[in-house]
Amino acid sequence: MPRDVKVSLALLRRAWEDTTQTSTQIAERFGMSRRTLGKIAKAQGWMKRSRRNVRVKLTPDMVKPMWDFGLISQDIGAYLGVTHHAVNTLAYRHGWRRGKGWHNTGRRTLSEWCEVQLRKAMEQAAKADQDAARRLMRGR
């Protein structure tokens, strides 16, 4: 049975663009079916919700340092927002191999990776500060 529902298009569009809610949740909130919501979005020319989630383009530069560090593909994928299959495919295509028994010996955690990256960034910042201080002292 059709119902007349009066909804502000501005509110509806704001909800449509909010990716934290599913279209079903939005439709329920505004008292309409998901199909009706989709028809309104199409008629208004709003971007499809499926097109907004842009996939991450993996590059060897993004993955290789983590791979060499000893992170498992699941952790690399979680950190970069991709599946571990994508990480494994990239590793296979570039010939990155890990020997048998690797999981028993060389495995490192994502928190260790983050700590190392933070330490490197802090060392670089400290060096930059020292260089800036030297330049200031020479200028006096």
C-alpha atoms as a PDB file:
ATOM      1  CA  MET A   1       0.000   0.000   0.000  1.00  0.00           C
ATOM      2  CA  PRO A   2       1.634   3.285  -1.092  1.00  0.00           C
ATOM      3  CA  ARG A   3       2.144   6.010   1.473  1.00  0.00           C
ATOM      4  CA  ASP A   4       2.772   9.701   1.050  1.00  0.00           C
ATOM      5  CA  VAL A   5       5.944  10.600   2.866  1.00  0.00           C
ATOM      6  CA  LYS A   6       7.156  14.174   3.083  1.00  0.00           C
ATOM      7  CA  VAL A   7      10.877  14.419   3.540  1.00  0.00           C
ATOM      8  CA  SER A   8      13.344  17.242   3.172  1.00  0.00           C
ATOM      9  CA  LEU A   9      15.579  16.496   0.198  1.00  0.00           C
ATOM     10  CA  ALA A  10      18.470  18.217   1.944  1.00  0.00           C
ATOM     11  CA  LEU A  11      18.196  15.896   4.949  1.00  0.00           C
ATOM     12  CA  LEU A  12      17.766  12.886   2.709  1.00  0.00           C
ATOM     13  CA  ARG A  13      20.814  13.794   0.646  1.00  0.00           C
ATOM     14  CA  ARG A  14      22.914  14.356   3.757  1.00  0.00           C
ATOM     15  CA  ALA A  15      21.911  10.906   4.970  1.00  0.00           C
ATOM     16  CA  TRP A  16      22.602   9.435   1.503  1.00  0.00           C
ATOM     17  CA  GLU A  17      26.131  10.845   1.511  1.00  0.00           C
ATOM     18  CA  ASP A  18      26.819   9.529   5.019  1.00  0.00           C
ATOM     19  CA  THR A  19      28.550   6.209   4.408  1.00  0.00           C
ATOM     20  CA  THR A  20      28.249   5.029   7.998  1.00  0.00           C
ATOM     21  CA  GLN A  21      24.622   4.002   7.405  1.00  0.00           C
ATOM     22  CA  THR A  22      23.307   1.488   4.921  1.00  0.00           C
ATOM     23  CA  SER A  23      20.627   2.500   2.440  1.00  0.00           C
ATOM     24  CA  THR A  24      18.203   0.206   4.282  1.00  0.00           C
ATOM     25  CA  GLN A  25      18.829   2.072   7.541  1.00  0.00           C
ATOM     26  CA  ILE A  26      18.336   5.429   5.803  1.00  0.00           C
ATOM     27  CA  ALA A  27      15.097   4.287   4.185  1.00  0.00           C
ATOM     28  CA  GLU A  28      13.744   3.006   7.507  1.00  0.00           C
ATOM     29  CA  ARG A  29      14.690   6.263   9.213  1.00  0.00           C
ATOM     30  CA  PHE A  30      12.728   8.288   6.664  1.00  0.00           C
ATOM     31  CA  GLY A  31       9.803   5.852   6.493  1.00  0.00           C
ATOM     32  CA  MET A  32      10.229   4.609   2.917  1.00  0.00           C
ATOM     33  CA  SER A  33      11.436   1.546   1.109  1.00  0.00           C
ATOM     34  CA  ARG A  34      15.004   1.132  -0.039  1.00  0.00           C
ATOM     35  CA  ARG A  35      13.763   1.020  -3.605  1.00  0.00           C
ATOM     36  CA  THR A  36      12.002   4.382  -3.217  1.00  0.00           C
ATOM     37  CA  LEU A  37      15.156   5.854  -1.724  1.00  0.00           C
ATOM     38  CA  GLY A  38      17.150   4.583  -4.703  1.00  0.00           C
ATOM     39  CA  LYS A  39      14.649   6.053  -7.158  1.00  0.00           C
ATOM     40  CA  ILE A  40      14.825   9.457  -5.459  1.00  0.00           C
ATOM     41  CA  ALA A  41      18.628   9.372  -5.508  1.00  0.00           C
ATOM     42  CA  LYS A  42      18.660   8.462  -9.191  1.00  0.00           C
ATOM     43  CA  ALA A  43      16.094  11.144 -10.080  1.00  0.00           C
ATOM     44  CA  GLN A  44      18.123  13.768  -8.181  1.00  0.00           C
ATOM     45  CA  GLY A  45      21.355  12.668  -9.844  1.00  0.00           C
ATOM     46  CA  TRP A  46      23.134  11.733  -6.620  1.00  0.00           C
ATOM     47  CA  MET A  47      26.255   9.604  -6.912  1.00  0.00           C
ATOM     48  CA  LYS A  48      25.690   5.880  -6.482  1.00  0.00           C
ATOM     49  CA  ARG A  49      26.704   4.715  -3.053  1.00  0.00           C
ATOM     50  CA  SER A  50      28.706   1.835  -4.510  1.00  0.00           C
ATOM     51  CA  ARG A  51      30.810   4.253  -6.570  1.00  0.00           C
ATOM     52  CA  ARG A  52      31.912   6.339  -3.596  1.00  0.00           C
ATOM     53  CA  ASN A  53      34.083   3.717  -1.972  1.00  0.00           C
ATOM     54  CA  VAL A  54      37.236   4.105  -4.001  1.00  0.00           C
ATOM     55  CA  ARG A  55      39.492   1.072  -3.973  1.00  0.00           C
ATOM     56  CA  VAL A  56      43.047   1.496  -2.827  1.00  0.00           C
ATOM     57  CA  LYS A  57      45.585   1.043  -5.603  1.00  0.00           C
ATOM     58  CA  LEU A  58      48.371  -1.049  -4.163  1.00  0.00           C
ATOM     59  CA  THR A  59      51.888  -0.296  -5.254  1.00  0.00           C
ATOM     60  CA  PRO A  60      55.054  -2.196  -4.435  1.00  0.00           C
ATOM     61  CA  ASP A  61      56.370   0.900  -2.624  1.00  0.00           C
ATOM     62  CA  MET A  62      53.468   0.668  -0.191  1.00  0.00           C
ATOM     63  CA  VAL A  63      53.746  -3.038   0.539  1.00  0.00           C
ATOM     64  CA  LYS A  64      57.427  -4.019   0.188  1.00  0.00           C
ATOM     65  CA  PRO A  65      58.708  -2.313   3.369  1.00  0.00           C
ATOM     66  CA  MET A  66      56.034  -4.038   5.453  1.00  0.00           C
ATOM     67  CA  TRP A  67      56.617  -7.334   3.673  1.00  0.00           C
ATOM     68  CA  ASP A  68      60.364  -7.128   4.317  1.00  0.00           C
ATOM     69  CA  PHE A  69      59.716  -6.185   7.942  1.00  0.00           C
ATOM     70  CA  GLY A  70      57.970  -9.540   8.392  1.00  0.00           C
ATOM     71  CA  LEU A  71      54.311  -8.567   8.658  1.00  0.00           C
ATOM     72  CA  ILE A  72      51.779 -11.176   7.600  1.00  0.00           C
ATOM     73  CA  SER A  73      49.573 -10.334   4.630  1.00  0.00           C
ATOM     74  CA  GLN A  74      46.474 -10.010   6.846  1.00  0.00           C
ATOM     75  CA  ASP A  75      48.136  -7.259   8.885  1.00  0.00           C
ATOM     76  CA  ILE A  76      49.430  -5.483   5.787  1.00  0.00           C
ATOM     77  CA  GLY A  77      45.954  -5.625   4.249  1.00  0.00           C
ATOM     78  CA  ALA A  78      44.308  -4.347   7.425  1.00  0.00           C
ATOM     79  CA  TYR A  79      46.762  -1.445   7.628  1.00  0.00           C
ATOM     80  CA  LEU A  80      46.277  -0.450   3.973  1.00  0.00           C
ATOM     81  CA  GLY A  81      42.532  -1.162   3.796  1.00  0.00           C
ATOM     82  CA  VAL A  82      42.697  -4.053   1.330  1.00  0.00           C
ATOM     83  CA  THR A  83      42.294  -7.815   1.520  1.00  0.00           C
ATOM     84  CA  HIS A  84      45.178 -10.117   2.278  1.00  0.00           C
ATOM     85  CA  HIS A  85      44.525 -11.713  -1.116  1.00  0.00           C
ATOM     86  CA  ALA A  86      45.431  -8.429  -2.801  1.00  0.00           C
ATOM     87  CA  VAL A  87      48.661  -8.278  -0.802  1.00  0.00           C
ATOM     88  CA  ASN A  88      49.537 -11.891  -1.621  1.00  0.00           C
ATOM     89  CA  THR A  89      48.784 -11.348  -5.316  1.00  0.00           C
ATOM     90  CA  LEU A  90      51.061  -8.312  -5.431  1.00  0.00           C
ATOM     91  CA  ALA A  91      53.807 -10.234  -3.627  1.00  0.00           C
ATOM     92  CA  TYR A  92      53.472 -13.164  -6.018  1.00  0.00           C
ATOM     93  CA  ARG A  93      53.565 -10.935  -9.095  1.00  0.00           C
ATOM     94  CA  HIS A  94      56.759  -9.254  -7.890  1.00  0.00           C
ATOM     95  CA  GLY A  95      58.435 -12.496  -6.892  1.00  0.00           C
ATOM     96  CA  TRP A  96      58.576 -11.790  -3.169  1.00  0.00           C
ATOM     97  CA  ARG A  97      58.864 -15.151  -1.455  1.00  0.00           C
ATOM     98  CA  ARG A  98      59.167 -16.286   2.097  1.00  0.00           C
ATOM     99  CA  GLY A  99      60.835 -19.575   2.887  1.00  0.00           C
ATOM    100  CA  LYS A 100      59.229 -22.595   4.486  1.00  0.00           C
ATOM    101  CA  GLY A 101      58.814 -22.233   8.206  1.00  0.00           C
ATOM    102  CA  TRP A 102      58.672 -18.447   7.946  1.00  0.00           C
ATOM    103  CA  HIS A 103      55.486 -18.290  10.038  1.00  0.00           C
ATOM    104  CA  ASN A 104      57.324 -19.953  12.903  1.00  0.00           C
ATOM    105  CA  THR A 105      60.311 -17.607  12.940  1.00  0.00           C
ATOM    106  CA  GLY A 106      60.122 -14.255  11.163  1.00  0.00           C
ATOM    107  CA  ARG A 107      56.637 -13.093  11.993  1.00  0.00           C
ATOM    108  CA  ARG A 108      56.251  -9.573  13.390  1.00  0.00           C
ATOM    109  CA  THR A 109      53.181  -7.660  14.531  1.00  0.00           C
ATOM    110  CA  LEU A 110      51.480  -4.567  13.195  1.00  0.00           C
ATOM    111  CA  SER A 111      52.094  -2.756  16.487  1.00  0.00           C
ATOM    112  CA  GLU A 112      55.848  -3.394  16.108  1.00  0.00           C
ATOM    113  CA  TRP A 113      55.691  -1.932  12.578  1.00  0.00           C
ATOM    114  CA  CYS A 114      53.897   1.165  13.851  1.00  0.00           C
ATOM    115  CA  GLU A 115      56.410   1.604  16.676  1.00  0.00           C
ATOM    116  CA  VAL A 116      59.336   1.401  14.251  1.00  0.00           C
ATOM    117  CA  GLN A 117      57.706   3.893  11.870  1.00  0.00           C
ATOM    118  CA  LEU A 118      56.988   6.287  14.742  1.00  0.00           C
ATOM    119  CA  ARG A 119      60.572   5.981  15.993  1.00  0.00           C
ATOM    120  CA  LYS A 120      61.916   6.741  12.495  1.00  0.00           C
ATOM    121  CA  ALA A 121      59.629   9.774  12.157  1.00  0.00           C
ATOM    122  CA  MET A 122      60.706  11.082  15.567  1.00  0.00           C
ATOM    123  CA  GLU A 123      64.390  10.634  14.689  1.00  0.00           C
ATOM    124  CA  GLN A 124      63.881  12.533  11.427  1.00  0.00           C
ATOM    125  CA  ALA A 125      62.064  15.342  13.241  1.00  0.00           C
ATOM    126  CA  ALA A 126      64.817  15.560  15.869  1.00  0.00           C
ATOM    127  CA  LYS A 127      67.486  15.725  13.145  1.00  0.00           C
ATOM    128  CA  ALA A 128      65.537  18.466  11.359  1.00  0.00           C
ATOM    129  CA  ASP A 129      65.300  20.405  14.638  1.00  0.00           C
ATOM    130  CA  GLN A 130      69.042  20.057  15.221  1.00  0.00           C
ATOM    131  CA  ASP A 131      69.777  21.260  11.692  1.00  0.00           C
ATOM    132  CA  ALA A 132      67.488  24.253  12.159  1.00  0.00           C
ATOM    133  CA  ALA A 133      69.159  25.095  15.474  1.00  0.00           C
ATOM    134  CA  ARG A 134      72.608  24.931  13.855  1.00  0.00           C
ATOM    135  CA  ARG A 135      71.484  27.285  11.098  1.00  0.00           C
ATOM    136  CA  LEU A 136      70.153  29.723  13.687  1.00  0.00           C
ATOM    137  CA  MET A 137      73.398  29.611  15.664  1.00  0.00           C
ATOM    138  CA  ARG A 138      75.468  30.285  12.534  1.00  0.00           C
ATOM    139  CA  GLY A 139      73.299  33.273  11.703  1.00  0.00           C
ATOM    140  CA  ARG A 140      74.121  35.044  14.983  1.00  0.00           C
END
